[in-house]
C-alpha atoms as a PDB file:
ATOM      1  CA  MET A   1      11.735  33.067   4.874  1.00  0.00           C
ATOM      2  CA  TYR A   2      14.866  31.368   6.246  1.00  0.00           C
ATOM      3  CA  TYR A   3      13.685  32.078   9.810  1.00  0.00           C
ATOM      4  CA  ASN A   4      10.266  30.565   9.179  1.00  0.00           C
ATOM      5  CA  ALA A   5      11.754  27.525   7.637  1.00  0.00           C
ATOM      6  CA  LEU A   6      14.057  27.040  10.662  1.00  0.00           C
ATOM      7  CA  ILE A   7      11.063  27.443  13.037  1.00  0.00           C
ATOM      8  CA  ASN A   8       9.153  24.833  11.049  1.00  0.00           C
ATOM      9  CA  GLU A   9      12.093  22.459  11.146  1.00  0.00           C
ATOM     10  CA  TRP A  10      12.459  22.820  14.952  1.00  0.00           C
ATOM     11  CA  GLU A  11       8.740  22.323  15.393  1.00  0.00           C
ATOM     12  CA  CYS A  12       9.002  19.006  13.494  1.00  0.00           C
ATOM     13  CA  VAL A  13      12.020  18.012  15.592  1.00  0.00           C
ATOM     14  CA  MET A  14      10.176  18.832  18.864  1.00  0.00           C
ATOM     15  CA  LYS A  15       7.301  16.622  17.769  1.00  0.00           C
ATOM     16  CA  LYS A  16       9.766  13.754  17.128  1.00  0.00           C
ATOM     17  CA  ILE A  17      11.392  14.417  20.595  1.00  0.00           C
ATOM     18  CA  TYR A  18       7.940  14.145  22.216  1.00  0.00           C
ATOM     19  CA  VAL A  19       7.445  10.613  20.728  1.00  0.00           C
ATOM     20  CA  LEU A  20      11.050   9.709  21.641  1.00  0.00           C
ATOM     21  CA  LEU A  21      10.450  10.751  25.250  1.00  0.00           C
ATOM     22  CA  CYS A  22       7.121   8.865  25.446  1.00  0.00           C
ATOM     23  CA  PHE A  23       8.878   5.759  24.304  1.00  0.00           C
ATOM     24  CA  SER A  24      12.083   6.069  26.389  1.00  0.00           C
ATOM     25  CA  LEU A  25      10.299   6.717  29.611  1.00  0.00           C
ATOM     26  CA  ALA A  26       8.720   3.288  29.446  1.00  0.00           C
ATOM     27  CA  THR A  27      11.794   1.485  28.066  1.00  0.00           C
ATOM     28  CA  ILE A  28      14.528   2.436  30.494  1.00  0.00           C
ATOM     29  CA  SER A  29      16.682  -0.628  30.923  1.00  0.00           C
ATOM     30  CA  ALA A  30      16.578  -1.941  27.339  1.00  0.00           C
ATOM     31  CA  GLN A  31      17.424   1.309  25.659  1.00  0.00           C
ATOM     32  CA  ALA A  32      19.472   3.019  28.417  1.00  0.00           C
ATOM     33  CA  SER A  33      22.878   2.710  26.682  1.00  0.00           C
ATOM     34  CA  VAL A  34      21.587   3.769  23.247  1.00  0.00           C
ATOM     35  CA  LEU A  35      19.888   6.810  24.653  1.00  0.00           C
ATOM     36  CA  ILE A  36      22.964   7.743  26.667  1.00  0.00           C
ATOM     37  CA  SER A  37      25.021   7.584  23.520  1.00  0.00           C
ATOM     38  CA  TYR A  38      22.582   9.905  21.737  1.00  0.00           C
ATOM     39  CA  GLN A  39      22.674  12.335  24.672  1.00  0.00           C
ATOM     40  CA  ARG A  40      26.525  12.514  24.776  1.00  0.00           C
ATOM     41  CA  ASN A  41      26.638  13.004  21.017  1.00  0.00           C
ATOM     42  CA  PHE A  42      24.045  15.705  21.268  1.00  0.00           C
ATOM     43  CA  ALA A  43      25.925  17.587  24.023  1.00  0.00           C
ATOM     44  CA  ARG A  44      29.017  17.798  21.819  1.00  0.00           C
ATOM     45  CA  ALA A  45      27.334  18.611  18.541  1.00  0.00           C
ATOM     46  CA  ASN A  46      26.740  21.936  16.844  1.00  0.00           C
ATOM     47  CA  LEU A  47      23.290  23.174  15.797  1.00  0.00           C
ATOM     48  CA  THR A  48      23.119  21.303  12.515  1.00  0.00           C
ATOM     49  CA  GLU A  49      24.394  18.140  14.023  1.00  0.00           C
ATOM     50  CA  LYS A  50      21.980  18.321  16.853  1.00  0.00           C
ATOM     51  CA  LEU A  51      19.146  18.430  14.320  1.00  0.00           C
ATOM     52  CA  ASN A  52      20.470  15.252  12.574  1.00  0.00           C
ATOM     53  CA  ILE A  53      21.097  13.500  15.916  1.00  0.00           C
ATOM     54  CA  LEU A  54      17.504  14.206  17.037  1.00  0.00           C
ATOM     55  CA  ASN A  55      16.050  12.984  13.757  1.00  0.00           C
ATOM     56  CA  ASP A  56      18.231   9.801  13.896  1.00  0.00           C
ATOM     57  CA  ALA A  57      17.140   9.106  17.540  1.00  0.00           C
ATOM     58  CA  ALA A  58      13.478   9.648  16.729  1.00  0.00           C
ATOM     59  CA  THR A  59      13.674   7.036  13.934  1.00  0.00           C
ATOM     60  CA  ASP A  60      16.301   4.598  15.358  1.00  0.00           C
ATOM     61  CA  PRO A  61      14.696   1.094  15.443  1.00  0.00           C
ATOM     62  CA  SER A  62      16.593   0.242  18.536  1.00  0.00           C
ATOM     63  CA  VAL A  63      15.055   3.180  20.277  1.00  0.00           C
ATOM     64  CA  ALA A  64      11.499   3.432  19.074  1.00  0.00           C
ATOM     65  CA  GLY A  65      10.906   1.221  16.080  1.00  0.00           C
ATOM     66  CA  GLN A  66      11.420  -2.514  16.594  1.00  0.00           C
ATOM     67  CA  THR A  67      11.811  -3.246  20.250  1.00  0.00           C
ATOM     68  CA  GLY A  68       8.286  -4.675  20.667  1.00  0.00           C
ATOM     69  CA  HIS A  69       8.391  -3.721  24.322  1.00  0.00           C
ATOM     70  CA  LYS A  70       4.821  -4.042  25.708  1.00  0.00           C
ATOM     71  CA  ASP A  71       4.973  -1.209  28.235  1.00  0.00           C
ATOM     72  CA  SER A  72       6.404   1.308  25.825  1.00  0.00           C
ATOM     73  CA  THR A  73       3.947   0.271  23.128  1.00  0.00           C
ATOM     74  CA  GLU A  74       1.060   0.883  25.506  1.00  0.00           C
ATOM     75  CA  THR A  75       2.525   4.201  26.650  1.00  0.00           C
ATOM     76  CA  LEU A  76       2.703   5.358  23.033  1.00  0.00           C
ATOM     77  CA  LEU A  77      -0.962   4.313  22.503  1.00  0.00           C
ATOM     78  CA  LYS A  78      -2.018   6.323  25.567  1.00  0.00           C
ATOM     79  CA  ARG A  79      -0.227   9.435  24.276  1.00  0.00           C
ATOM     80  CA  CYS A  80      -1.915   8.918  20.877  1.00  0.00           C
ATOM     81  CA  SER A  81      -5.376   9.029  22.659  1.00  0.00           C
ATOM     82  CA  LEU A  82      -4.436  11.959  24.808  1.00  0.00           C
ATOM     83  CA  TYR A  83      -2.655  14.230  22.394  1.00  0.00           C
ATOM     84  CA  SER A  84      -4.800  16.088  19.835  1.00  0.00           C
ATOM     85  CA  GLY A  85      -1.934  17.332  17.541  1.00  0.00           C
ATOM     86  CA  SER A  86      -2.171  15.595  14.130  1.00  0.00           C
ATOM     87  CA  SER A  87       1.539  15.479  13.491  1.00  0.00           C
ATOM     88  CA  ILE A  88       2.452  13.898  16.855  1.00  0.00           C
ATOM     89  CA  ARG A  89      -0.417  11.403  16.539  1.00  0.00           C
ATOM     90  CA  VAL A  90       0.959  10.374  13.067  1.00  0.00           C
ATOM     91  CA  GLU A  91       4.545   9.947  14.573  1.00  0.00           C
ATOM     92  CA  ILE A  92       3.128   7.771  17.255  1.00  0.00           C
ATOM     93  CA  LEU A  93       1.037   5.646  14.897  1.00  0.00           C
ATOM     94  CA  ASN A  94       4.091   5.168  12.755  1.00  0.00           C
ATOM     95  CA  ALA A  95       5.966   3.789  15.740  1.00  0.00           C
ATOM     96  CA  LEU A  96       3.052   1.543  16.727  1.00  0.00           C
ATOM     97  CA  ALA A  97       3.083   0.045  13.237  1.00  0.00           C
ATOM     98  CA  THR A  98       6.135  -1.834  14.337  1.00  0.00           C
ATOM     99  CA  THR A  99       5.984  -2.037  18.169  1.00  0.00           C
ATOM    100  CA  ALA A 100       2.554  -3.302  18.482  1.00  0.00           C
ATOM    101  CA  GLN A 101       3.126  -6.580  16.491  1.00  0.00           C
ATOM    102  CA  GLY A 102       1.278  -9.359  18.160  1.00  0.00           C
ATOM    103  CA  ASN A 103      -0.197  -7.077  20.893  1.00  0.00           C
ATOM    104  CA  ALA A 104      -3.849  -7.986  20.664  1.00  0.00           C
ATOM    105  CA  ARG A 105      -4.995  -5.196  23.096  1.00  0.00           C
ATOM    106  CA  VAL A 106      -3.142  -2.426  21.336  1.00  0.00           C
ATOM    107  CA  ILE A 107      -4.310  -3.617  17.862  1.00  0.00           C
ATOM    108  CA  ALA A 108      -7.893  -3.736  19.148  1.00  0.00           C
ATOM    109  CA  GLU A 109      -7.580  -0.141  20.385  1.00  0.00           C
ATOM    110  CA  LEU A 110      -6.095   0.946  17.025  1.00  0.00           C
ATOM    111  CA  ASN A 111      -9.023  -0.761  15.301  1.00  0.00           C
ATOM    112  CA  GLN A 112     -11.288   1.222  17.484  1.00  0.00           C
ATOM    113  CA  LEU A 113      -9.379   4.444  16.830  1.00  0.00           C
ATOM    114  CA  LEU A 114      -9.825   3.921  13.075  1.00  0.00           C
ATOM    115  CA  ASP A 115     -13.503   3.002  13.567  1.00  0.00           C
ATOM    116  CA  ASP A 116     -14.155   6.140  15.576  1.00  0.00           C
ATOM    117  CA  GLN A 117     -12.497   8.322  12.842  1.00  0.00           C
ATOM    118  CA  ASN A 118     -14.650   6.551  10.247  1.00  0.00           C
ATOM    119  CA  SER A 119     -17.819   7.194  12.385  1.00  0.00           C
ATOM    120  CA  ALA A 120     -16.901  10.879  12.508  1.00  0.00           C
ATOM    121  CA  PHE A 121     -16.597  11.023   8.698  1.00  0.00           C
ATOM    122  CA  LEU A 122     -20.015   9.318   8.308  1.00  0.00           C
ATOM    123  CA  THR A 123     -21.754  11.738  10.550  1.00  0.00           C
ATOM    124  CA  GLY A 124     -20.418  14.731   8.612  1.00  0.00           C
ATOM    125  CA  MET A 125     -17.630  15.648  11.008  1.00  0.00           C
ATOM    126  CA  ALA A 126     -14.094  16.235   9.651  1.00  0.00           C
ATOM    127  CA  PRO A 127     -11.812  13.499  11.077  1.00  0.00           C
ATOM    128  CA  ASP A 128      -8.125  13.858  11.517  1.00  0.00           C
ATOM    129  CA  TYR A 129      -7.187  12.813   7.962  1.00  0.00           C
ATOM    130  CA  GLN A 130      -3.448  12.523   8.585  1.00  0.00           C
ATOM    131  CA  ALA A 131      -4.062  10.371  11.706  1.00  0.00           C
ATOM    132  CA  PHE A 132      -6.703   8.453   9.707  1.00  0.00           C
ATOM    133  CA  GLN A 133      -4.289   7.563   7.009  1.00  0.00           C
ATOM    134  CA  ALA A 134      -1.398   6.749   9.475  1.00  0.00           C
ATOM    135  CA  GLY A 135      -3.796   4.415  11.291  1.00  0.00           C
ATOM    136  CA  ILE A 136      -4.767   2.633   8.068  1.00  0.00           C
ATOM    137  CA  ALA A 137      -1.016   2.270   7.320  1.00  0.00           C
ATOM    138  CA  ALA A 138      -0.202   1.071  10.859  1.00  0.00           C
ATOM    139  CA  LEU A 139      -2.981  -1.640  10.765  1.00  0.00           C
ATOM    140  CA  GLY A 140      -1.697  -2.652   7.238  1.00  0.00           C
ATOM    141  CA  ALA A 141       1.812  -3.107   8.595  1.00  0.00           C
ATOM    142  CA  LEU A 142       0.670  -5.100  11.665  1.00  0.00           C
ATOM    143  CA  GLY A 143      -1.480  -7.345   9.324  1.00  0.00           C
ATOM    144  CA  ASP A 144      -3.763  -8.668  12.022  1.00  0.00           C
ATOM    145  CA  GLU A 145      -6.844 -10.294  10.630  1.00  0.00           C
ATOM    146  CA  SER A 146      -8.922  -8.640  13.371  1.00  0.00           C
ATOM    147  CA  SER A 147      -8.447  -5.384  11.412  1.00  0.00           C
ATOM    148  CA  TYR A 148     -10.151  -6.761   8.226  1.00  0.00           C
ATOM    149  CA  PRO A 149     -13.706  -5.772   9.159  1.00  0.00           C
ATOM    150  CA  VAL A 150     -12.556  -2.318  10.212  1.00  0.00           C
ATOM    151  CA  LEU A 151     -10.881  -1.814   6.881  1.00  0.00           C
ATOM    152  CA  TYR A 152     -13.913  -3.140   4.999  1.00  0.00           C
ATOM    153  CA  GLY A 153     -16.134  -0.575   6.717  1.00  0.00           C
ATOM    154  CA  VAL A 154     -13.932   2.531   6.164  1.00  0.00           C
ATOM    155  CA  GLN A 155     -15.589   5.289   4.028  1.00  0.00           C
ATOM    156  CA  THR A 156     -13.094   7.958   3.069  1.00  0.00           C
ATOM    157  CA  PRO A 157     -12.317  10.802   0.513  1.00  0.00           C
ATOM    158  CA  VAL A 158     -10.673   9.522  -2.611  1.00  0.00           C
ATOM    159  CA  ALA A 159      -7.133  10.331  -1.403  1.00  0.00           C
ATOM    160  CA  SER A 160      -7.596   8.071   1.597  1.00  0.00           C
ATOM    161  CA  LYS A 161      -9.372   5.473  -0.375  1.00  0.00           C
ATOM    162  CA  ASN A 162      -6.286   5.016  -2.425  1.00  0.00           C
ATOM    163  CA  ILE A 163      -4.153   4.433   0.575  1.00  0.00           C
ATOM    164  CA  LEU A 164      -6.857   2.179   2.282  1.00  0.00           C
ATOM    165  CA  ALA A 165      -7.214  -0.063  -0.718  1.00  0.00           C
ATOM    166  CA  GLN A 166      -3.520  -0.463  -1.243  1.00  0.00           C
ATOM    167  CA  THR A 167      -2.998  -1.211   2.472  1.00  0.00           C
ATOM    168  CA  ALA A 168      -5.751  -3.734   2.410  1.00  0.00           C
ATOM    169  CA  LEU A 169      -4.227  -5.384  -0.744  1.00  0.00           C
ATOM    170  CA  ASP A 170      -0.744  -5.464   0.765  1.00  0.00           C
ATOM    171  CA  MET A 171      -2.158  -6.926   4.073  1.00  0.00           C
ATOM    172  CA  ALA A 172      -4.040  -9.725   2.185  1.00  0.00           C
ATOM    173  CA  LEU A 173      -0.973 -10.499  -0.096  1.00  0.00           C
ATOM    174  CA  SER A 174       1.067 -11.101   3.029  1.00  0.00           C
ATOM    175  CA  ALA A 175      -1.433 -13.393   4.692  1.00  0.00           C
ATOM    176  CA  ASP A 176      -2.817 -16.781   3.875  1.00  0.00           C
ATOM    177  CA  ASP A 177      -6.340 -17.298   5.161  1.00  0.00           C
ATOM    178  CA  PRO A 178      -9.874 -17.357   3.811  1.00  0.00           C
ATOM    179  CA  ALA A 179     -10.551 -13.785   5.053  1.00  0.00           C
ATOM    180  CA  SER A 180      -7.299 -12.456   3.342  1.00  0.00           C
ATOM    181  CA  TYR A 181      -8.324 -14.055   0.138  1.00  0.00           C
ATOM    182  CA  THR A 182     -11.701 -12.173   0.032  1.00  0.00           C
ATOM    183  CA  LEU A 183      -9.980  -8.959   1.150  1.00  0.00           C
ATOM    184  CA  ARG A 184      -7.429  -9.184  -1.612  1.00  0.00           C
ATOM    185  CA  TYR A 185      -9.952  -9.452  -4.377  1.00  0.00           C
ATOM    186  CA  GLU A 186     -12.130  -6.789  -2.836  1.00  0.00           C
ATOM    187  CA  ALA A 187      -9.251  -4.345  -2.454  1.00  0.00           C
ATOM    188  CA  ALA A 188      -8.264  -5.031  -6.107  1.00  0.00           C
ATOM    189  CA  HIS A 189     -11.690  -4.315  -7.259  1.00  0.00           C
ATOM    190  CA  VAL A 190     -11.684  -1.007  -5.482  1.00  0.00           C
ATOM    191  CA  LEU A 191      -8.249  -0.102  -6.896  1.00  0.00           C
ATOM    192  CA  ALA A 192      -9.417  -0.935 -10.437  1.00  0.00           C
ATOM    193  CA  GLY A 193     -12.211   1.647  -9.986  1.00  0.00           C
ATOM    194  CA  LEU A 194      -9.870   4.268  -8.563  1.00  0.00           C
ATOM    195  CA  GLY A 195      -7.207   3.651 -11.178  1.00  0.00           C
ATOM    196  CA  TRP A 196      -4.499   4.854  -8.784  1.00  0.00           C
ATOM    197  CA  SER A 197      -1.107   4.133 -10.374  1.00  0.00           C
ATOM    198  CA  GLY A 198       0.623   4.404  -7.054  1.00  0.00           C
ATOM    199  CA  ALA A 199      -0.573   0.842  -6.266  1.00  0.00           C
ATOM    200  CA  SER A 200       0.909  -0.588  -9.456  1.00  0.00           C
ATOM    201  CA  GLU A 201       3.484  -2.809  -7.705  1.00  0.00           C
ATOM    202  CA  SER A 202       0.902  -4.249  -5.349  1.00  0.00           C
ATOM    203  CA  VAL A 203      -1.538  -4.833  -8.236  1.00  0.00           C
ATOM    204  CA  VAL A 204       1.228  -6.664 -10.217  1.00  0.00           C
ATOM    205  CA  ARG A 205       1.762  -8.974  -7.172  1.00  0.00           C
ATOM    206  CA  HIS A 206      -1.960  -9.510  -7.056  1.00  0.00           C
ATOM    207  CA  PHE A 207      -2.067 -10.367 -10.652  1.00  0.00           C
ATOM    208  CA  TYR A 208       0.526 -13.040 -10.372  1.00  0.00           C
ATOM    209  CA  GLN A 209      -1.296 -14.458  -7.324  1.00  0.00           C
ATOM    210  CA  ALA A 210      -4.548 -14.489  -9.182  1.00  0.00           C
ATOM    211  CA  GLN A 211      -2.933 -16.407 -12.088  1.00  0.00           C
ATOM    212  CA  THR A 212      -1.829 -18.992  -9.423  1.00  0.00           C
ATOM    213  CA  ASP A 213      -5.232 -19.131  -7.821  1.00  0.00           C
ATOM    214  CA  TYR A 214      -6.871 -19.666 -11.251  1.00  0.00           C
ATOM    215  CA  ALA A 215      -4.278 -22.369 -12.303  1.00  0.00           C
ATOM    216  CA  HIS A 216      -4.905 -24.287  -9.060  1.00  0.00           C
ATOM    217  CA  GLY A 217      -8.648 -24.032  -9.144  1.00  0.00           C
ATOM    218  CA  LEU A 218      -8.808 -21.668  -6.215  1.00  0.00           C
ATOM    219  CA  ALA A 219     -10.449 -18.858  -8.202  1.00  0.00           C
ATOM    220  CA  VAL A 220     -12.931 -18.647 -11.024  1.00  0.00           C
ATOM    221  CA  LYS A 221     -11.852 -17.084 -14.387  1.00  0.00           C
ATOM    222  CA  GLU A 222     -13.728 -13.875 -13.614  1.00  0.00           C
ATOM    223  CA  ARG A 223     -11.345 -13.229 -10.765  1.00  0.00           C
ATOM    224  CA  LEU A 224      -8.351 -13.386 -13.140  1.00  0.00           C
ATOM    225  CA  ILE A 225     -10.136 -11.211 -15.636  1.00  0.00           C
ATOM    226  CA  GLU A 226     -10.736  -8.681 -12.862  1.00  0.00           C
ATOM    227  CA  ALA A 227      -6.958  -8.811 -12.093  1.00  0.00           C
ATOM    228  CA  ILE A 228      -6.051  -8.165 -15.693  1.00  0.00           C
ATOM    229  CA  ALA A 229      -8.529  -5.211 -15.759  1.00  0.00           C
ATOM    230  CA  CYS A 230      -6.974  -3.870 -12.517  1.00  0.00           C
ATOM    231  CA  LEU A 231      -3.536  -3.956 -14.163  1.00  0.00           C
ATOM    232  CA  GLY A 232      -4.904  -2.031 -17.100  1.00  0.00           C
ATOM    233  CA  SER A 233      -6.380   0.622 -14.832  1.00  0.00           C
ATOM    234  CA  MET A 234      -2.830   1.303 -13.346  1.00  0.00           C
ATOM    235  CA  ARG A 235      -1.738   2.683 -16.760  1.00  0.00           C
ATOM    236  CA  THR A 236       1.837   2.253 -15.871  1.00  0.00           C
ATOM    237  CA  PRO A 237       4.829   1.035 -18.000  1.00  0.00           C
ATOM    238  CA  GLU A 238       5.290  -1.856 -15.585  1.00  0.00           C
ATOM    239  CA  ALA A 239       1.697  -3.069 -16.005  1.00  0.00           C
ATOM    240  CA  ALA A 240       1.931  -2.716 -19.887  1.00  0.00           C
ATOM    241  CA  GLN A 241       5.171  -4.706 -19.938  1.00  0.00           C
ATOM    242  CA  ILE A 242       3.693  -7.529 -17.917  1.00  0.00           C
ATOM    243  CA  LEU A 243       0.525  -7.738 -19.923  1.00  0.00           C
ATOM    244  CA  ALA A 244       2.562  -7.618 -23.222  1.00  0.00           C
ATOM    245  CA  ILE A 245       4.771 -10.497 -22.028  1.00  0.00           C
ATOM    246  CA  GLN A 246       1.641 -12.522 -21.126  1.00  0.00           C
ATOM    247  CA  LEU A 247       0.209 -11.802 -24.619  1.00  0.00           C
ATOM    248  CA  GLY A 248       3.447 -12.981 -26.148  1.00  0.00           C
ATOM    249  CA  LEU A 249       3.011 -16.303 -24.172  1.00  0.00           C
ATOM    250  CA  PHE A 250      -0.539 -16.605 -25.319  1.00  0.00           C
ATOM    251  CA  ASN A 251       0.470 -16.156 -29.008  1.00  0.00           C
ATOM    252  CA  SER A 252       3.157 -18.764 -28.614  1.00  0.00           C
ATOM    253  CA  GLN A 253       0.825 -21.197 -27.025  1.00  0.00           C
ATOM    254  CA  ALA A 254      -1.888 -20.687 -29.584  1.00  0.00           C
ATOM    255  CA  GLU A 255       0.604 -21.195 -32.480  1.00  0.00           C
ATOM    256  CA  GLN A 256       2.055 -24.339 -31.041  1.00  0.00           C
ATOM    257  CA  THR A 257      -1.074 -26.018 -29.626  1.00  0.00           C
ATOM    258  CA  GLY A 258      -4.056 -24.159 -31.168  1.00  0.00           C
ATOM    259  CA  SER A 259      -5.463 -23.709 -27.699  1.00  0.00           C
ATOM    260  CA  PHE A 260      -6.419 -20.257 -26.225  1.00  0.00           C
ATOM    261  CA  ASP A 261      -8.874 -18.736 -23.830  1.00  0.00           C
ATOM    262  CA  GLU A 262     -10.777 -16.132 -25.661  1.00  0.00           C
ATOM    263  CA  ASP A 263     -12.183 -14.368 -22.614  1.00  0.00           C
ATOM    264  CA  ILE A 264      -8.686 -13.883 -21.130  1.00  0.00           C
ATOM    265  CA  LEU A 265      -7.335 -12.673 -24.448  1.00  0.00           C
ATOM    266  CA  LEU A 266     -10.085 -10.127 -24.850  1.00  0.00           C
ATOM    267  CA  ALA A 267      -9.506  -8.921 -21.222  1.00  0.00           C
ATOM    268  CA  THR A 268      -5.684  -8.574 -22.023  1.00  0.00           C
ATOM    269  CA  PHE A 269      -6.436  -6.548 -25.179  1.00  0.00           C
ATOM    270  CA  SER A 270      -8.832  -4.295 -23.363  1.00  0.00           C
ATOM    271  CA  ALA A 271      -6.195  -3.590 -20.561  1.00  0.00           C
ATOM    272  CA  LEU A 272      -3.396  -3.012 -23.053  1.00  0.00           C
ATOM    273  CA  GLY A 273      -5.695  -0.511 -24.998  1.00  0.00           C
ATOM    274  CA  ASP A 274      -6.471   1.242 -21.747  1.00  0.00           C
ATOM    275  CA  ILE A 275      -2.796   1.753 -21.019  1.00  0.00           C
ATOM    276  CA  GLY A 276      -1.880   2.694 -24.595  1.00  0.00           C
ATOM    277  CA  ASP A 277       1.821   1.820 -24.109  1.00  0.00           C
ATOM    278  CA  THR A 278       3.511   1.101 -27.473  1.00  0.00           C
ATOM    279  CA  ILE A 279       5.535  -1.771 -25.789  1.00  0.00           C
ATOM    280  CA  ALA A 280       2.599  -3.943 -26.726  1.00  0.00           C
ATOM    281  CA  PHE A 281       2.785  -3.236 -30.395  1.00  0.00           C
ATOM    282  CA  ASP A 282       4.701  -6.284 -31.634  1.00  0.00           C
ATOM    283  CA  HIS A 283       2.592  -8.772 -29.611  1.00  0.00           C
ATOM    284  CA  LEU A 284      -0.705  -7.098 -30.666  1.00  0.00           C
ATOM    285  CA  PHE A 285       0.309  -6.974 -34.248  1.00  0.00           C
ATOM    286  CA  TYR A 286       1.289 -10.684 -34.158  1.00  0.00           C
ATOM    287  CA  VAL A 287      -2.258 -11.696 -33.083  1.00  0.00           C
ATOM    288  CA  ASP A 288      -3.006 -11.908 -36.851  1.00  0.00           C
ATOM    289  CA  PHE A 289      -0.986 -15.039 -37.303  1.00  0.00           C
ATOM    290  CA  PRO A 290      -2.003 -17.657 -34.593  1.00  0.00           C
ATOM    291  CA  PRO A 291      -5.333 -19.450 -35.192  1.00  0.00           C
ATOM    292  CA  TYR A 292      -7.451 -17.046 -33.263  1.00  0.00           C
ATOM    293  CA  SER A 293     -11.081 -16.268 -33.926  1.00  0.00           C
ATOM    294  CA  SER A 294     -12.103 -13.303 -35.968  1.00  0.00           C
ATOM    295  CA  GLU A 295     -13.511 -11.652 -32.799  1.00  0.00           C
ATOM    296  CA  VAL A 296     -10.085 -11.917 -31.069  1.00  0.00           C
ATOM    297  CA  LYS A 297      -8.247 -10.525 -34.149  1.00  0.00           C
ATOM    298  CA  ALA A 298     -10.679  -7.695 -34.354  1.00  0.00           C
ATOM    299  CA  ALA A 299     -10.249  -6.854 -30.652  1.00  0.00           C
ATOM    300  CA  ALA A 300      -6.439  -6.794 -31.138  1.00  0.00           C
ATOM    301  CA  LYS A 301      -6.768  -4.248 -33.997  1.00  0.00           C
ATOM    302  CA  THR A 302      -8.932  -2.107 -31.662  1.00  0.00           C
ATOM    303  CA  ALA A 303      -6.256  -2.184 -28.942  1.00  0.00           C
ATOM    304  CA  LEU A 304      -3.570  -1.360 -31.515  1.00  0.00           C
ATOM    305  CA  ALA A 305      -5.514   1.744 -32.599  1.00  0.00           C
ATOM    306  CA  LYS A 306      -5.454   2.909 -28.937  1.00  0.00           C
ATOM    307  CA  LEU A 307      -1.572   2.864 -28.551  1.00  0.00           C
ATOM    308  CA  GLN A 308      -0.186   6.283 -28.030  1.00  0.00           C
ATOM    309  CA  TRP A 309       2.816   6.991 -30.191  1.00  0.00           C
ATOM    310  CA  GLN A 310       5.120   9.855 -29.164  1.00  0.00           C
ATOM    311  CA  ALA A 311       5.594  12.616 -31.745  1.00  0.00           C
ATOM    312  CA  TRP A 312       9.198  13.009 -32.815  1.00  0.00           C
END
């Protein structure tokens, strides 16, 4: 068992070396001193240290992560197209996620690579799922708007849809243009249907942005209600806490001014009920006191009944 584990570890290391060599061959002058330093340390190290040095070198931003060197970036892309091994293609795509920033030709080819994998899936062929997901992540990290149509068109298994939708949402949250606005709400809609809690942090950011959009007249109320529902579908303590805080603010506003939005309140109750976290108990219980309608108070009681109390 130990022997097999050691072999697997060396295979992983050799894959990283392959990517490192591809990159270093095209970036001789800029990275020469860094590579020489790694080589010297490697020569003096024992077996365990050699593994650590190789792993460090393969992930060192000054060597293969953030140089942005055009020649090395395009060399990596060529190797990605030529090499069929899934693990190495993933390593290359991970490196391209940082080195291809602003390189329109490379981004276009990455778009094409993802589109080809998607076409394979649609025709019944099994795509390289690991490279597929790494390509989605790379395009998300690069954040180029030319990738939006490609991401829109991707049809994948559920596991990949989770990553795709979160990647698209993160891309849209970091951009500021009409296309990113549409992409953000579409991605949130998909995530709400998937209910993937791994995207909770991104969905929280989207919720706050949706609030801002609605407050400034940039989004209709339905968009905010969708963002609330998306938070509820995450079913995480973080989502429950944020919605509970919002309900506390709604209660305070209704008490002080008598004004409230029934649609948004009902959406909040529904989301809190879906999550079932008892952190919302106090605020849901308090709904009986502000001047809410009977329908609002009844909905709050329904949400209260869905809270999941832990048995002692």
